[in-house]
Amino acid sequence: MKTARQLLQEKHRQGVFAVRPEATVYQALQLMAEKDIGAVLVMDGDKLLGIFSERDYARKVVLQGKTSAGTPITEIMTRRVVFAKPSQTVDECMAIMSEKRFRHLPVMDGNTVLGVLSITDLVRETIAEQQFLIAQLENYIMH
């Protein structure tokens, strides 16, 4: 089973997408739309301050009658960021996401952000592993 580090290395999108704490919600949404991602990290240099997702937008901006252009990202970001370690397996990452009920999981090595895994990344990898196992079993049975 692959680790979070291995999965990040295989992702087509490289790099960490983040906004500075001075950014507005609108600026974060622009970056998310441009990169076709569902969440963005809020970082001050290399320091992770929080994470902002589409769910945060829906619940903390739209439903509370705030404006995207006038709301600082730090006002609505999730400050207590749950993360995975690079050595954690795909199954462990999926368990964290299922238990905490979110779809984006930063991977951190100490204080360094290595990247973000999405639930889609984990589901794709799980399906690929299952297909490989099925092929191996079919090959074993045939020979």
N, C-alpha and C. Protein backbone atom coordinates (compact mmCIF):
# COMPACT_ATOMS: atom_id res chain seq x y z
N MET A 1 0.84 -1.18 0.00
CA MET A 1 0.00 0.00 0.00
C MET A 1 0.89 1.25 0.00
N LYS A 2 0.50 2.21 -0.80
CA LYS A 2 1.29 3.43 -0.93
C LYS A 2 1.13 4.35 0.28
N THR A 3 2.15 5.16 0.46
CA THR A 3 2.12 6.16 1.53
C THR A 3 1.67 7.51 0.96
N ALA A 4 1.38 8.42 1.87
CA ALA A 4 0.99 9.77 1.46
C ALA A 4 2.10 10.41 0.63
N ARG A 5 3.35 10.22 1.04
CA ARG A 5 4.48 10.78 0.29
C ARG A 5 4.52 10.25 -1.14
N GLN A 6 4.37 8.95 -1.30
CA GLN A 6 4.39 8.34 -2.63
C GLN A 6 3.25 8.86 -3.50
N LEU A 7 2.08 8.99 -2.91
CA LEU A 7 0.93 9.47 -3.66
C LEU A 7 1.13 10.92 -4.12
N LEU A 8 1.68 11.74 -3.25
CA LEU A 8 1.97 13.13 -3.62
C LEU A 8 2.98 13.20 -4.77
N GLN A 9 3.97 12.33 -4.74
CA GLN A 9 4.99 12.32 -5.79
C GLN A 9 4.40 11.94 -7.15
N GLU A 10 3.33 11.18 -7.14
CA GLU A 10 2.71 10.73 -8.39
C GLU A 10 1.64 11.68 -8.93
N LYS A 11 1.21 12.61 -8.09
CA LYS A 11 0.15 13.52 -8.53
C LYS A 11 0.61 14.36 -9.72
N HIS A 12 -0.31 14.60 -10.63
CA HIS A 12 0.00 15.40 -11.82
C HIS A 12 0.21 16.86 -11.47
N ARG A 13 -0.54 17.35 -10.51
CA ARG A 13 -0.38 18.75 -10.08
C ARG A 13 0.73 18.80 -9.05
N GLN A 14 1.71 19.57 -9.32
CA GLN A 14 2.81 19.70 -8.37
C GLN A 14 2.71 21.03 -7.65
N GLY A 15 3.27 21.06 -6.47
CA GLY A 15 3.28 22.31 -5.72
C GLY A 15 2.14 22.39 -4.73
N VAL A 16 2.26 23.37 -3.87
CA VAL A 16 1.25 23.63 -2.85
C VAL A 16 0.55 24.93 -3.22
N PHE A 17 -0.76 24.89 -3.31
CA PHE A 17 -1.52 26.09 -3.64
C PHE A 17 -1.98 26.74 -2.35
N ALA A 18 -1.56 27.99 -2.17
CA ALA A 18 -1.85 28.69 -0.92
C ALA A 18 -2.07 30.17 -1.18
N VAL A 19 -2.76 30.79 -0.23
CA VAL A 19 -2.91 32.24 -0.22
C VAL A 19 -2.29 32.76 1.06
N ARG A 20 -1.93 34.03 1.04
CA ARG A 20 -1.37 34.68 2.22
C ARG A 20 -2.51 35.06 3.17
N PRO A 21 -2.22 35.28 4.43
CA PRO A 21 -3.29 35.62 5.38
C PRO A 21 -3.98 36.95 5.08
N GLU A 22 -3.36 37.82 4.30
CA GLU A 22 -3.97 39.11 3.94
C GLU A 22 -5.01 38.97 2.84
N ALA A 23 -5.09 37.81 2.22
CA ALA A 23 -6.00 37.60 1.08
C ALA A 23 -7.46 37.66 1.52
N THR A 24 -8.31 38.00 0.56
CA THR A 24 -9.75 37.95 0.79
C THR A 24 -10.27 36.59 0.36
N VAL A 25 -11.48 36.30 0.75
CA VAL A 25 -12.14 35.07 0.32
C VAL A 25 -12.21 35.05 -1.21
N TYR A 26 -12.50 36.18 -1.81
CA TYR A 26 -12.60 36.27 -3.27
C TYR A 26 -11.28 35.85 -3.93
N GLN A 27 -10.16 36.33 -3.41
CA GLN A 27 -8.86 35.97 -3.98
C GLN A 27 -8.59 34.47 -3.84
N ALA A 28 -8.99 33.90 -2.72
CA ALA A 28 -8.83 32.46 -2.54
C ALA A 28 -9.69 31.69 -3.53
N LEU A 29 -10.92 32.16 -3.73
CA LEU A 29 -11.81 31.50 -4.69
C LEU A 29 -11.27 31.60 -6.12
N GLN A 30 -10.66 32.74 -6.45
CA GLN A 30 -10.05 32.90 -7.77
C GLN A 30 -8.97 31.85 -7.99
N LEU A 31 -8.10 31.67 -7.00
CA LEU A 31 -7.03 30.68 -7.11
C LEU A 31 -7.61 29.27 -7.23
N MET A 32 -8.63 28.99 -6.44
CA MET A 32 -9.24 27.66 -6.49
C MET A 32 -9.86 27.40 -7.86
N ALA A 33 -10.50 28.39 -8.44
CA ALA A 33 -11.09 28.23 -9.77
C ALA A 33 -10.01 28.08 -10.84
N GLU A 34 -8.97 28.88 -10.74
CA GLU A 34 -7.87 28.84 -11.71
C GLU A 34 -7.17 27.47 -11.70
N LYS A 35 -6.98 26.90 -10.52
CA LYS A 35 -6.26 25.63 -10.39
C LYS A 35 -7.19 24.43 -10.37
N ASP A 36 -8.52 24.68 -10.40
CA ASP A 36 -9.53 23.62 -10.37
C ASP A 36 -9.35 22.73 -9.14
N ILE A 37 -9.29 23.38 -7.97
CA ILE A 37 -9.13 22.67 -6.71
C ILE A 37 -10.25 23.06 -5.75
N GLY A 38 -10.51 22.24 -4.76
CA GLY A 38 -11.61 22.47 -3.85
C GLY A 38 -11.21 23.07 -2.52
N ALA A 39 -9.90 23.25 -2.32
CA ALA A 39 -9.43 23.85 -1.06
C ALA A 39 -8.07 24.48 -1.31
N VAL A 40 -7.75 25.46 -0.47
CA VAL A 40 -6.47 26.14 -0.57
C VAL A 40 -5.93 26.35 0.84
N LEU A 41 -4.63 26.24 0.97
CA LEU A 41 -4.01 26.47 2.27
C LEU A 41 -3.83 27.96 2.49
N VAL A 42 -3.84 28.37 3.74
CA VAL A 42 -3.53 29.74 4.11
C VAL A 42 -2.17 29.68 4.80
N MET A 43 -1.18 30.34 4.18
CA MET A 43 0.18 30.23 4.68
C MET A 43 0.85 31.60 4.77
N ASP A 44 1.65 31.76 5.80
CA ASP A 44 2.49 32.94 5.96
C ASP A 44 3.91 32.45 5.74
N GLY A 45 4.39 32.63 4.52
CA GLY A 45 5.68 32.05 4.15
C GLY A 45 5.54 30.54 4.12
N ASP A 46 6.36 29.86 4.92
CA ASP A 46 6.29 28.39 5.00
C ASP A 46 5.39 27.90 6.14
N LYS A 47 4.83 28.81 6.89
CA LYS A 47 4.03 28.44 8.07
C LYS A 47 2.56 28.26 7.70
N LEU A 48 2.03 27.09 7.99
CA LEU A 48 0.62 26.79 7.74
C LEU A 48 -0.24 27.42 8.83
N LEU A 49 -1.17 28.28 8.42
CA LEU A 49 -2.06 28.95 9.37
C LEU A 49 -3.47 28.35 9.37
N GLY A 50 -3.88 27.82 8.21
CA GLY A 50 -5.23 27.28 8.11
C GLY A 50 -5.49 26.72 6.74
N ILE A 51 -6.73 26.29 6.54
CA ILE A 51 -7.17 25.76 5.25
C ILE A 51 -8.56 26.33 4.97
N PHE A 52 -8.83 26.61 3.71
CA PHE A 52 -10.11 27.16 3.28
C PHE A 52 -10.65 26.28 2.17
N SER A 53 -11.90 25.84 2.33
CA SER A 53 -12.50 24.94 1.34
C SER A 53 -13.82 25.51 0.82
N GLU A 54 -14.33 24.87 -0.22
CA GLU A 54 -15.62 25.25 -0.77
C GLU A 54 -16.70 25.16 0.31
N ARG A 55 -16.58 24.19 1.18
CA ARG A 55 -17.55 24.02 2.27
C ARG A 55 -17.49 25.21 3.23
N ASP A 56 -16.27 25.68 3.52
CA ASP A 56 -16.12 26.88 4.37
C ASP A 56 -16.84 28.06 3.72
N TYR A 57 -16.67 28.19 2.41
CA TYR A 57 -17.31 29.29 1.69
C TYR A 57 -18.83 29.22 1.82
N ALA A 58 -19.37 28.05 1.57
CA ALA A 58 -20.82 27.89 1.61
C ALA A 58 -21.39 28.15 3.00
N ARG A 59 -20.72 27.65 4.01
CA ARG A 59 -21.26 27.73 5.37
C ARG A 59 -20.91 29.02 6.11
N LYS A 60 -19.75 29.58 5.82
CA LYS A 60 -19.28 30.72 6.62
C LYS A 60 -19.36 32.06 5.89
N VAL A 61 -19.59 32.02 4.59
CA VAL A 61 -19.72 33.28 3.85
C VAL A 61 -21.15 33.41 3.34
N VAL A 62 -21.55 32.53 2.46
CA VAL A 62 -22.86 32.61 1.82
C VAL A 62 -23.99 32.57 2.84
N LEU A 63 -23.99 31.57 3.70
CA LEU A 63 -25.09 31.42 4.66
C LEU A 63 -25.10 32.48 5.75
N GLN A 64 -23.98 33.13 5.97
CA GLN A 64 -23.92 34.18 6.99
C GLN A 64 -24.04 35.58 6.39
N GLY A 65 -24.29 35.65 5.08
CA GLY A 65 -24.53 36.93 4.42
C GLY A 65 -23.30 37.81 4.27
N LYS A 66 -22.13 37.22 4.28
CA LYS A 66 -20.90 38.00 4.11
C LYS A 66 -20.59 38.11 2.62
N THR A 67 -19.66 38.98 2.28
CA THR A 67 -19.25 39.11 0.89
C THR A 67 -17.85 38.53 0.71
N SER A 68 -17.62 37.95 -0.45
CA SER A 68 -16.32 37.36 -0.75
C SER A 68 -15.22 38.40 -0.82
N ALA A 69 -15.54 39.54 -1.43
CA ALA A 69 -14.53 40.59 -1.61
C ALA A 69 -14.20 41.31 -0.32
N GLY A 70 -15.13 41.34 0.63
CA GLY A 70 -14.91 42.10 1.85
C GLY A 70 -14.55 41.27 3.07
N THR A 71 -14.43 39.96 2.89
CA THR A 71 -14.14 39.09 4.03
C THR A 71 -12.71 38.57 3.96
N PRO A 72 -11.93 38.84 4.99
CA PRO A 72 -10.56 38.29 5.01
C PRO A 72 -10.59 36.77 5.18
N ILE A 73 -9.70 36.10 4.51
CA ILE A 73 -9.65 34.64 4.56
C ILE A 73 -9.43 34.15 5.99
N THR A 74 -8.66 34.91 6.77
CA THR A 74 -8.37 34.49 8.15
C THR A 74 -9.62 34.49 9.04
N GLU A 75 -10.67 35.21 8.62
CA GLU A 75 -11.90 35.27 9.39
C GLU A 75 -12.70 33.98 9.30
N ILE A 76 -12.57 33.26 8.20
CA ILE A 76 -13.41 32.08 8.01
C ILE A 76 -12.65 30.79 7.76
N MET A 77 -11.33 30.85 7.64
CA MET A 77 -10.56 29.63 7.39
C MET A 77 -10.67 28.68 8.59
N THR A 78 -10.42 27.42 8.35
CA THR A 78 -10.34 26.45 9.43
C THR A 78 -8.94 26.53 10.00
N ARG A 79 -8.85 26.87 11.27
CA ARG A 79 -7.55 27.09 11.91
C ARG A 79 -6.90 25.81 12.41
N ARG A 80 -7.69 24.92 12.90
CA ARG A 80 -7.15 23.65 13.41
C ARG A 80 -7.07 22.66 12.26
N VAL A 81 -5.93 22.66 11.61
CA VAL A 81 -5.76 21.84 10.42
C VAL A 81 -5.32 20.43 10.82
N VAL A 82 -6.12 19.46 10.44
CA VAL A 82 -5.74 18.06 10.62
C VAL A 82 -4.88 17.70 9.43
N PHE A 83 -3.80 16.98 9.66
CA PHE A 83 -2.89 16.63 8.56
C PHE A 83 -2.42 15.20 8.69
N ALA A 84 -1.83 14.71 7.61
CA ALA A 84 -1.24 13.37 7.61
C ALA A 84 0.28 13.51 7.60
N LYS A 85 0.92 12.48 8.08
CA LYS A 85 2.38 12.39 8.00
C LYS A 85 2.72 11.68 6.68
N PRO A 86 3.88 11.94 6.12
CA PRO A 86 4.25 11.33 4.84
C PRO A 86 4.25 9.81 4.86
N SER A 87 4.47 9.22 6.02
CA SER A 87 4.57 7.76 6.12
C SER A 87 3.21 7.08 6.25
N GLN A 88 2.15 7.85 6.43
CA GLN A 88 0.83 7.23 6.60
C GLN A 88 0.34 6.66 5.28
N THR A 89 -0.36 5.54 5.36
CA THR A 89 -0.84 4.85 4.16
C THR A 89 -2.11 5.52 3.63
N VAL A 90 -2.44 5.13 2.41
CA VAL A 90 -3.67 5.62 1.79
C VAL A 90 -4.87 5.28 2.66
N ASP A 91 -4.91 4.06 3.19
CA ASP A 91 -6.03 3.66 4.06
C ASP A 91 -6.09 4.52 5.32
N GLU A 92 -4.94 4.82 5.91
CA GLU A 92 -4.92 5.66 7.11
C GLU A 92 -5.40 7.07 6.79
N CYS A 93 -4.98 7.60 5.65
CA CYS A 93 -5.43 8.93 5.24
C CYS A 93 -6.93 8.95 5.01
N MET A 94 -7.44 7.91 4.37
CA MET A 94 -8.87 7.84 4.11
C MET A 94 -9.65 7.73 5.42
N ALA A 95 -9.11 7.01 6.37
CA ALA A 95 -9.77 6.87 7.68
C ALA A 95 -9.84 8.23 8.38
N ILE A 96 -8.77 9.00 8.31
CA ILE A 96 -8.76 10.34 8.92
C ILE A 96 -9.84 11.20 8.27
N MET A 97 -9.88 11.19 6.94
CA MET A 97 -10.84 12.03 6.23
C MET A 97 -12.28 11.59 6.51
N SER A 98 -12.50 10.31 6.58
CA SER A 98 -13.85 9.81 6.87
C SER A 98 -14.28 10.17 8.28
N GLU A 99 -13.38 9.98 9.24
CA GLU A 99 -13.71 10.28 10.63
C GLU A 99 -13.97 11.76 10.86
N LYS A 100 -13.15 12.62 10.24
CA LYS A 100 -13.26 14.06 10.46
C LYS A 100 -14.23 14.73 9.49
N ARG A 101 -14.68 13.98 8.47
CA ARG A 101 -15.67 14.46 7.50
C ARG A 101 -15.19 15.66 6.68
N PHE A 102 -14.00 15.53 6.08
CA PHE A 102 -13.54 16.54 5.13
C PHE A 102 -12.90 15.86 3.94
N ARG A 103 -12.64 16.65 2.90
CA ARG A 103 -12.21 16.08 1.62
C ARG A 103 -10.81 16.48 1.19
N HIS A 104 -10.09 17.23 2.03
CA HIS A 104 -8.74 17.67 1.69
C HIS A 104 -7.84 17.51 2.90
N LEU A 105 -6.70 16.85 2.70
CA LEU A 105 -5.82 16.50 3.80
C LEU A 105 -4.39 16.94 3.48
N PRO A 106 -3.91 17.99 4.15
CA PRO A 106 -2.51 18.37 3.96
C PRO A 106 -1.58 17.26 4.48
N VAL A 107 -0.45 17.13 3.85
CA VAL A 107 0.58 16.19 4.28
C VAL A 107 1.76 17.02 4.75
N MET A 108 2.16 16.78 6.01
CA MET A 108 3.23 17.59 6.60
C MET A 108 4.35 16.71 7.12
N ASP A 109 5.57 17.15 6.85
CA ASP A 109 6.77 16.52 7.38
C ASP A 109 7.35 17.50 8.40
N GLY A 110 7.05 17.29 9.66
CA GLY A 110 7.41 18.27 10.68
C GLY A 110 6.56 19.52 10.49
N ASN A 111 7.21 20.66 10.26
CA ASN A 111 6.50 21.92 10.01
C ASN A 111 6.41 22.25 8.53
N THR A 112 6.86 21.34 7.67
CA THR A 112 6.89 21.58 6.23
C THR A 112 5.70 20.93 5.53
N VAL A 113 4.95 21.73 4.79
CA VAL A 113 3.83 21.22 4.02
C VAL A 113 4.38 20.60 2.73
N LEU A 114 4.09 19.33 2.51
CA LEU A 114 4.54 18.65 1.29
C LEU A 114 3.52 18.73 0.17
N GLY A 115 2.24 18.83 0.54
CA GLY A 115 1.18 18.88 -0.45
C GLY A 115 -0.15 18.61 0.21
N VAL A 116 -1.17 18.47 -0.63
CA VAL A 116 -2.53 18.21 -0.14
C VAL A 116 -3.09 17.04 -0.94
N LEU A 117 -3.64 16.07 -0.22
CA LEU A 117 -4.33 14.96 -0.86
C LEU A 117 -5.83 15.20 -0.79
N SER A 118 -6.51 14.91 -1.88
CA SER A 118 -7.97 15.04 -1.90
C SER A 118 -8.58 13.65 -1.78
N ILE A 119 -9.84 13.60 -1.44
CA ILE A 119 -10.54 12.32 -1.36
C ILE A 119 -10.49 11.63 -2.73
N THR A 120 -10.51 12.40 -3.80
CA THR A 120 -10.42 11.83 -5.15
C THR A 120 -9.09 11.12 -5.35
N ASP A 121 -8.00 11.72 -4.88
CA ASP A 121 -6.68 11.07 -4.97
C ASP A 121 -6.70 9.72 -4.28
N LEU A 122 -7.29 9.68 -3.10
CA LEU A 122 -7.31 8.45 -2.31
C LEU A 122 -8.22 7.39 -2.92
N VAL A 123 -9.36 7.80 -3.43
CA VAL A 123 -10.28 6.85 -4.05
C VAL A 123 -9.65 6.26 -5.32
N ARG A 124 -9.03 7.11 -6.14
CA ARG A 124 -8.35 6.61 -7.35
C ARG A 124 -7.30 5.57 -7.01
N GLU A 125 -6.50 5.86 -6.00
CA GLU A 125 -5.44 4.93 -5.60
C GLU A 125 -6.02 3.63 -5.06
N THR A 126 -7.08 3.72 -4.29
CA THR A 126 -7.71 2.53 -3.74
C THR A 126 -8.26 1.65 -4.87
N ILE A 127 -8.89 2.26 -5.85
CA ILE A 127 -9.41 1.51 -7.00
C ILE A 127 -8.26 0.86 -7.77
N ALA A 128 -7.19 1.60 -8.00
CA ALA A 128 -6.03 1.06 -8.72
C ALA A 128 -5.44 -0.14 -7.98
N GLU A 129 -5.34 -0.05 -6.67
CA GLU A 129 -4.82 -1.16 -5.87
C GLU A 129 -5.73 -2.38 -5.97
N GLN A 130 -7.04 -2.14 -5.92
CA GLN A 130 -7.98 -3.25 -6.01
C GLN A 130 -7.93 -3.90 -7.38
N GLN A 131 -7.82 -3.10 -8.44
CA GLN A 131 -7.73 -3.66 -9.79
C GLN A 131 -6.46 -4.49 -9.95
N PHE A 132 -5.36 -4.02 -9.37
CA PHE A 132 -4.10 -4.76 -9.43
C PHE A 132 -4.24 -6.10 -8.71
N LEU A 133 -4.85 -6.08 -7.53
CA LEU A 133 -5.04 -7.30 -6.75
C LEU A 133 -5.94 -8.28 -7.50
N ILE A 134 -6.99 -7.80 -8.11
CA ILE A 134 -7.89 -8.67 -8.89
C ILE A 134 -7.13 -9.30 -10.04
N ALA A 135 -6.34 -8.51 -10.75
CA ALA A 135 -5.55 -9.05 -11.87
C ALA A 135 -4.58 -10.11 -11.39
N GLN A 136 -3.95 -9.88 -10.25
CA GLN A 136 -3.01 -10.87 -9.70
C GLN A 136 -3.74 -12.16 -9.32
N LEU A 137 -4.90 -12.04 -8.73
CA LEU A 137 -5.66 -13.23 -8.35
C LEU A 137 -6.14 -13.98 -9.59
N GLU A 138 -6.60 -13.25 -10.61
CA GLU A 138 -7.03 -13.90 -11.84
C GLU A 138 -5.87 -14.63 -12.50
N ASN A 139 -4.71 -14.01 -12.50
CA ASN A 139 -3.51 -14.63 -13.07
C ASN A 139 -3.13 -15.89 -12.30
N TYR A 140 -3.25 -15.84 -10.99
CA TYR A 140 -2.93 -16.99 -10.15
C TYR A 140 -3.88 -18.15 -10.43
N ILE A 141 -5.17 -17.82 -10.56
CA ILE A 141 -6.18 -18.85 -10.80
C ILE A 141 -6.00 -19.49 -12.18
N MET A 142 -5.65 -18.69 -13.17
CA MET A 142 -5.50 -19.17 -14.55
C MET A 142 -4.27 -20.06 -14.75
N HIS A 143 -3.28 -19.87 -13.91
CA HIS A 143 -2.03 -20.62 -14.13
C HIS A 143 -1.80 -21.60 -13.07
